[in-house]
N, C-alpha and C. Protein backbone atom coordinates (compact mmCIF):
# COMPACT_ATOMS: atom_id res chain seq x y z
N MET A 1 -41.77 -27.96 -27.38
CA MET A 1 -40.41 -28.19 -27.43
C MET A 1 -39.67 -27.25 -26.44
N ARG A 2 -38.49 -27.58 -25.96
CA ARG A 2 -37.75 -26.62 -25.16
C ARG A 2 -36.92 -25.68 -26.10
N ILE A 3 -36.38 -24.73 -25.39
CA ILE A 3 -35.66 -23.64 -26.03
C ILE A 3 -34.43 -24.21 -26.86
N GLY A 4 -33.77 -25.17 -26.24
CA GLY A 4 -32.54 -25.59 -26.93
C GLY A 4 -32.87 -26.36 -28.24
N GLU A 5 -33.98 -27.11 -28.22
CA GLU A 5 -34.27 -27.84 -29.40
C GLU A 5 -34.85 -26.92 -30.61
N LEU A 6 -35.57 -25.78 -30.16
CA LEU A 6 -35.92 -24.80 -31.09
C LEU A 6 -34.83 -23.97 -31.75
N ALA A 7 -33.79 -23.82 -30.89
CA ALA A 7 -32.41 -23.33 -31.27
C ALA A 7 -31.81 -24.05 -32.28
N VAL A 8 -31.88 -25.33 -32.07
CA VAL A 8 -31.10 -26.32 -32.99
C VAL A 8 -31.92 -26.32 -34.18
N ARG A 9 -33.15 -26.53 -34.22
CA ARG A 9 -33.99 -26.70 -35.55
C ARG A 9 -34.09 -25.45 -36.34
N THR A 10 -33.79 -24.24 -35.60
CA THR A 10 -33.88 -23.06 -36.50
C THR A 10 -32.46 -22.35 -36.61
N SER A 11 -31.46 -22.92 -36.09
CA SER A 11 -30.23 -22.45 -36.13
C SER A 11 -30.03 -21.07 -35.38
N ALA A 12 -31.11 -20.80 -34.56
CA ALA A 12 -31.09 -19.45 -33.85
C ALA A 12 -30.30 -19.73 -32.47
N SER A 13 -29.74 -18.72 -31.97
CA SER A 13 -29.09 -18.94 -30.74
C SER A 13 -30.30 -18.87 -29.64
N VAL A 14 -29.92 -19.47 -28.35
CA VAL A 14 -31.01 -19.32 -27.39
C VAL A 14 -31.07 -17.94 -26.98
N ARG A 15 -30.11 -17.16 -27.08
CA ARG A 15 -30.08 -15.63 -26.83
C ARG A 15 -30.98 -14.98 -27.64
N ALA A 16 -30.97 -15.29 -29.04
CA ALA A 16 -31.80 -14.66 -29.93
C ALA A 16 -33.26 -15.06 -29.75
N LEU A 17 -33.62 -16.31 -29.35
CA LEU A 17 -35.04 -16.62 -29.09
C LEU A 17 -35.47 -15.91 -27.85
N ARG A 18 -34.66 -15.71 -26.86
CA ARG A 18 -34.96 -14.93 -25.78
C ARG A 18 -35.35 -13.63 -26.14
N TYR A 19 -34.52 -12.90 -27.03
CA TYR A 19 -34.79 -11.52 -27.58
C TYR A 19 -36.07 -11.53 -28.21
N TYR A 20 -36.28 -12.45 -29.03
CA TYR A 20 -37.53 -12.39 -29.63
C TYR A 20 -38.76 -12.35 -28.80
N GLU A 21 -38.78 -13.08 -27.70
CA GLU A 21 -39.73 -13.11 -26.70
C GLU A 21 -39.68 -11.77 -26.16
N GLU A 22 -38.60 -11.15 -25.79
CA GLU A 22 -38.59 -9.81 -25.21
C GLU A 22 -39.26 -8.75 -26.07
N GLN A 23 -39.18 -8.88 -27.31
CA GLN A 23 -39.71 -7.96 -28.29
C GLN A 23 -41.14 -8.35 -28.72
N ASN A 24 -41.71 -9.42 -28.21
CA ASN A 24 -43.11 -9.96 -28.36
C ASN A 24 -43.30 -10.64 -29.74
N LEU A 25 -42.15 -11.11 -30.31
CA LEU A 25 -42.26 -11.61 -31.55
C LEU A 25 -42.60 -13.24 -31.58
N LEU A 26 -42.41 -13.69 -30.31
CA LEU A 26 -42.50 -15.22 -30.00
C LEU A 26 -42.91 -15.32 -28.63
N THR A 27 -43.70 -16.28 -28.49
CA THR A 27 -44.25 -16.55 -27.24
C THR A 27 -43.95 -18.03 -26.75
N SER A 28 -43.88 -18.16 -25.50
CA SER A 28 -43.72 -19.62 -24.92
C SER A 28 -44.63 -19.64 -23.67
N GLN A 29 -44.81 -21.07 -23.50
CA GLN A 29 -45.45 -21.43 -22.10
C GLN A 29 -44.37 -21.83 -21.24
N ARG A 30 -44.65 -21.86 -20.02
CA ARG A 30 -43.72 -22.17 -18.80
C ARG A 30 -44.03 -23.72 -18.27
N SER A 31 -43.07 -24.43 -18.17
CA SER A 31 -43.31 -25.82 -17.54
C SER A 31 -43.52 -25.47 -16.16
N PRO A 32 -43.85 -26.40 -15.18
CA PRO A 32 -43.90 -26.23 -13.76
C PRO A 32 -42.51 -25.94 -13.16
N SER A 33 -41.56 -26.32 -13.79
CA SER A 33 -40.06 -25.96 -13.35
C SER A 33 -39.59 -24.67 -13.89
N GLY A 34 -40.48 -24.03 -14.77
CA GLY A 34 -40.03 -22.69 -15.45
C GLY A 34 -39.35 -22.76 -16.62
N GLN A 35 -39.11 -23.93 -17.27
CA GLN A 35 -38.51 -23.97 -18.70
C GLN A 35 -39.61 -23.33 -19.55
N ARG A 36 -38.95 -22.79 -20.66
CA ARG A 36 -39.69 -22.37 -21.85
C ARG A 36 -40.22 -23.48 -22.68
N LEU A 37 -41.42 -23.51 -23.16
CA LEU A 37 -41.80 -24.64 -23.89
C LEU A 37 -42.53 -23.91 -25.12
N TYR A 38 -42.23 -24.37 -26.41
CA TYR A 38 -42.78 -23.77 -27.51
C TYR A 38 -43.39 -24.85 -28.19
N PRO A 39 -44.48 -24.37 -29.12
CA PRO A 39 -45.44 -25.35 -29.87
C PRO A 39 -44.51 -25.55 -31.19
N GLU A 40 -44.96 -26.47 -31.98
CA GLU A 40 -44.30 -26.74 -33.29
C GLU A 40 -44.22 -25.63 -34.16
N SER A 41 -45.25 -24.92 -34.09
CA SER A 41 -45.47 -23.77 -35.08
C SER A 41 -44.37 -22.67 -34.84
N ALA A 42 -43.74 -22.80 -33.62
CA ALA A 42 -42.66 -21.73 -33.46
C ALA A 42 -41.26 -21.88 -34.30
N VAL A 43 -41.05 -23.13 -34.98
CA VAL A 43 -40.15 -23.24 -35.83
C VAL A 43 -40.33 -22.36 -36.92
N ASP A 44 -41.46 -22.39 -37.73
CA ASP A 44 -41.77 -21.66 -38.89
C ASP A 44 -41.72 -20.15 -38.50
N ARG A 45 -42.15 -19.74 -37.30
CA ARG A 45 -42.37 -18.50 -36.93
C ARG A 45 -40.90 -17.81 -36.73
N VAL A 46 -40.07 -18.57 -36.16
CA VAL A 46 -38.62 -18.23 -35.95
C VAL A 46 -37.92 -18.01 -37.24
N LEU A 47 -38.10 -19.03 -38.21
CA LEU A 47 -37.54 -18.97 -39.54
C LEU A 47 -37.99 -17.65 -40.29
N LEU A 48 -39.37 -17.30 -40.16
CA LEU A 48 -39.69 -16.09 -40.79
C LEU A 48 -39.09 -14.99 -40.28
N ILE A 49 -39.02 -14.94 -38.81
CA ILE A 49 -38.61 -13.80 -38.14
C ILE A 49 -37.00 -13.69 -38.45
N GLN A 50 -36.29 -14.66 -38.71
CA GLN A 50 -35.05 -14.48 -39.10
C GLN A 50 -34.83 -13.99 -40.54
N GLN A 51 -35.83 -14.48 -41.58
CA GLN A 51 -35.71 -13.89 -42.79
C GLN A 51 -35.91 -12.46 -42.87
N LEU A 52 -36.99 -12.00 -42.13
CA LEU A 52 -37.33 -10.63 -42.02
C LEU A 52 -36.19 -9.66 -41.44
N TYR A 53 -35.61 -10.20 -40.28
CA TYR A 53 -34.47 -9.55 -39.88
C TYR A 53 -33.33 -9.43 -41.04
N ALA A 54 -32.99 -10.48 -41.49
CA ALA A 54 -31.94 -10.57 -42.62
C ALA A 54 -32.21 -9.63 -43.71
N ALA A 55 -33.63 -9.50 -43.83
CA ALA A 55 -33.93 -8.38 -44.94
C ALA A 55 -33.71 -6.99 -44.46
N GLY A 56 -33.59 -6.73 -43.35
CA GLY A 56 -33.15 -5.39 -42.63
C GLY A 56 -34.41 -4.80 -41.83
N LEU A 57 -35.44 -5.65 -41.80
CA LEU A 57 -36.71 -5.14 -40.98
C LEU A 57 -36.31 -4.94 -39.53
N SER A 58 -36.91 -3.99 -38.87
CA SER A 58 -36.66 -3.90 -37.41
C SER A 58 -37.75 -4.86 -36.62
N SER A 59 -37.24 -4.87 -35.34
CA SER A 59 -38.31 -5.95 -34.56
C SER A 59 -39.72 -5.19 -34.55
N ARG A 60 -39.64 -3.72 -34.33
CA ARG A 60 -40.89 -3.10 -34.44
C ARG A 60 -41.66 -3.36 -35.75
N THR A 61 -41.12 -3.36 -36.74
CA THR A 61 -41.78 -3.53 -38.11
C THR A 61 -42.23 -4.91 -38.15
N ILE A 62 -41.37 -5.85 -37.95
CA ILE A 62 -41.83 -7.28 -37.85
C ILE A 62 -43.03 -7.45 -36.96
N LEU A 63 -43.09 -6.97 -35.75
CA LEU A 63 -44.10 -6.99 -34.81
C LEU A 63 -45.44 -6.58 -35.44
N GLU A 64 -45.25 -5.41 -36.19
CA GLU A 64 -46.47 -4.98 -36.79
C GLU A 64 -47.13 -5.76 -38.10
N LEU A 65 -46.04 -6.51 -38.78
CA LEU A 65 -46.45 -7.26 -39.91
C LEU A 65 -46.85 -8.65 -39.52
N LEU A 66 -46.35 -9.26 -38.60
CA LEU A 66 -46.75 -10.78 -38.23
C LEU A 66 -48.16 -10.95 -37.98
N PRO A 67 -49.02 -10.29 -37.60
CA PRO A 67 -50.44 -10.62 -37.59
C PRO A 67 -51.02 -10.71 -38.79
N CYS A 68 -50.71 -9.79 -39.89
CA CYS A 68 -51.27 -9.96 -41.20
C CYS A 68 -50.68 -11.21 -41.94
N VAL A 69 -49.40 -11.62 -41.58
CA VAL A 69 -48.79 -12.66 -42.22
C VAL A 69 -49.45 -13.94 -41.80
N TYR A 70 -49.89 -13.98 -40.40
CA TYR A 70 -50.58 -15.18 -40.03
C TYR A 70 -52.05 -15.31 -40.37
N THR A 71 -52.77 -14.08 -40.28
CA THR A 71 -54.15 -14.05 -40.46
C THR A 71 -54.50 -13.92 -41.82
N GLY A 72 -53.65 -13.30 -42.75
CA GLY A 72 -53.96 -13.12 -44.22
C GLY A 72 -54.70 -11.87 -44.26
N VAL A 73 -55.05 -11.20 -43.27
CA VAL A 73 -55.83 -10.00 -43.34
C VAL A 73 -54.96 -8.86 -43.16
N SER A 74 -54.90 -7.89 -43.97
CA SER A 74 -54.08 -6.62 -43.81
C SER A 74 -54.97 -5.38 -43.64
N THR A 75 -54.46 -4.32 -43.01
CA THR A 75 -55.08 -3.00 -43.00
C THR A 75 -54.40 -2.26 -44.18
N PRO A 76 -54.92 -1.02 -44.34
CA PRO A 76 -54.22 -0.34 -45.23
C PRO A 76 -52.85 0.13 -44.90
N GLU A 77 -52.62 0.27 -43.38
CA GLU A 77 -51.52 0.57 -42.85
C GLU A 77 -50.36 -0.42 -43.01
N SER A 78 -50.90 -1.77 -42.73
CA SER A 78 -49.90 -2.75 -42.76
C SER A 78 -49.46 -3.01 -44.24
N LEU A 79 -50.54 -2.78 -45.45
CA LEU A 79 -50.15 -2.75 -46.66
C LEU A 79 -49.20 -1.82 -47.10
N ALA A 80 -49.37 -0.71 -46.72
CA ALA A 80 -48.43 0.50 -47.01
C ALA A 80 -47.01 0.05 -46.31
N LEU A 81 -46.98 -0.67 -45.26
CA LEU A 81 -45.73 -0.87 -44.42
C LEU A 81 -44.95 -2.04 -45.46
N LEU A 82 -45.88 -2.99 -45.79
CA LEU A 82 -45.41 -4.15 -46.50
C LEU A 82 -44.74 -3.63 -47.84
N THR A 83 -45.48 -2.65 -48.60
CA THR A 83 -44.97 -2.06 -49.84
C THR A 83 -43.72 -1.36 -49.56
N ALA A 84 -43.74 -0.48 -48.63
CA ALA A 84 -42.58 0.43 -48.23
C ALA A 84 -41.29 -0.51 -48.06
N GLU A 85 -41.49 -1.67 -47.22
CA GLU A 85 -40.32 -2.51 -47.07
C GLU A 85 -39.86 -3.26 -48.33
N ARG A 86 -40.91 -3.77 -49.15
CA ARG A 86 -40.47 -4.33 -50.29
C ARG A 86 -39.73 -3.39 -51.26
N ASN A 87 -40.19 -2.08 -51.36
CA ASN A 87 -39.58 -1.00 -52.13
C ASN A 87 -38.14 -0.90 -51.55
N ARG A 88 -37.91 -0.87 -50.36
CA ARG A 88 -36.61 -0.56 -49.68
C ARG A 88 -35.57 -1.70 -50.14
N ILE A 89 -36.18 -3.06 -50.04
CA ILE A 89 -35.42 -4.15 -50.30
C ILE A 89 -35.09 -4.21 -51.92
N ASP A 90 -35.91 -3.83 -52.72
CA ASP A 90 -35.72 -3.71 -54.21
C ASP A 90 -34.63 -2.82 -54.52
N LYS A 91 -34.65 -1.64 -53.72
CA LYS A 91 -33.47 -0.61 -54.00
C LYS A 91 -32.25 -1.14 -53.52
N GLN A 92 -32.22 -1.88 -52.51
CA GLN A 92 -30.94 -2.60 -51.87
C GLN A 92 -30.44 -3.56 -52.90
N ILE A 93 -31.44 -4.41 -53.56
CA ILE A 93 -31.07 -5.35 -54.50
C ILE A 93 -30.43 -4.50 -55.85
N GLY A 94 -30.82 -3.54 -56.17
CA GLY A 94 -30.42 -2.73 -57.11
C GLY A 94 -29.05 -2.11 -56.98
N GLU A 95 -28.81 -1.73 -55.83
CA GLU A 95 -27.51 -1.13 -55.39
C GLU A 95 -26.45 -2.30 -55.18
N LEU A 96 -26.79 -3.56 -54.73
CA LEU A 96 -26.00 -4.68 -54.65
C LEU A 96 -25.58 -5.12 -55.95
N ALA A 97 -26.52 -5.20 -56.90
CA ALA A 97 -26.36 -5.51 -58.36
C ALA A 97 -25.22 -4.51 -59.04
N SER A 98 -25.39 -3.37 -58.79
CA SER A 98 -24.54 -2.39 -59.31
C SER A 98 -23.04 -2.48 -58.70
N THR A 99 -22.98 -2.80 -57.38
CA THR A 99 -21.74 -2.93 -56.78
C THR A 99 -21.05 -4.22 -57.28
N ARG A 100 -22.00 -5.20 -57.48
CA ARG A 100 -21.25 -6.46 -58.17
C ARG A 100 -20.69 -6.09 -59.63
N ASP A 101 -21.60 -5.41 -60.21
CA ASP A 101 -21.12 -5.13 -61.62
C ASP A 101 -19.69 -4.30 -61.73
N ARG A 102 -19.82 -3.39 -60.76
CA ARG A 102 -18.36 -2.73 -60.68
C ARG A 102 -17.19 -3.56 -60.18
N LEU A 103 -17.47 -4.55 -59.22
CA LEU A 103 -16.54 -5.45 -58.86
C LEU A 103 -16.01 -6.37 -59.98
N ASP A 104 -16.97 -6.78 -60.81
CA ASP A 104 -16.64 -7.62 -62.10
C ASP A 104 -15.82 -6.83 -63.03
N THR A 105 -16.22 -5.49 -63.13
CA THR A 105 -15.28 -4.81 -64.00
C THR A 105 -13.81 -4.64 -63.52
N ILE A 106 -13.61 -4.41 -62.28
CA ILE A 106 -12.42 -4.41 -61.50
C ILE A 106 -11.68 -5.65 -61.75
N ILE A 107 -12.39 -6.92 -61.64
CA ILE A 107 -11.87 -8.21 -61.68
C ILE A 107 -11.45 -8.48 -63.00
N THR A 108 -12.03 -8.09 -64.07
CA THR A 108 -11.61 -8.18 -65.41
C THR A 108 -10.49 -7.38 -65.71
N ALA A 109 -10.46 -6.25 -65.36
CA ALA A 109 -9.29 -5.38 -65.34
C ALA A 109 -8.07 -5.81 -64.88
N ALA A 110 -8.28 -6.42 -63.68
CA ALA A 110 -7.19 -6.88 -62.84
C ALA A 110 -6.57 -8.22 -63.61
N ARG A 111 -7.43 -8.89 -64.11
CA ARG A 111 -7.04 -10.34 -64.79
C ARG A 111 -6.23 -9.91 -66.08
N SER A 112 -6.65 -8.89 -66.68
CA SER A 112 -6.01 -8.46 -68.06
C SER A 112 -4.67 -7.95 -67.82
N SER A 113 -4.49 -7.28 -66.68
CA SER A 113 -3.07 -6.72 -66.32
C SER A 113 -2.19 -7.69 -65.86
N THR A 114 -2.72 -8.77 -65.34
CA THR A 114 -1.68 -9.93 -65.06
C THR A 114 -1.44 -10.93 -66.10
N SER A 115 -1.98 -10.83 -67.24
CA SER A 115 -1.80 -11.82 -68.28
C SER A 115 -0.59 -11.44 -69.11
């Protein structure tokens, strides 16, 4: 599929897809006219990359983790990296939950004062 179709199917911008290629997170073949062509599997790969970016992982970290994601084989280093990232995300979740609870308290107080 061409880059425009991949962009539509993943809701990623063409610019983001080019960036993923620059970071070696995504690969394409070139048509005789020079257009990027992606396999069907690129859709799932881009969706995974987007999830990992949304979780706060860097392109370097994603690049290190993708091989073990696709092969199912991890090294002690990749397992340590996965664990560290999961712990970081858990901490963020806790902090967000605490912030939400504080906002709920403020909202409750604000509603009480307007009654």
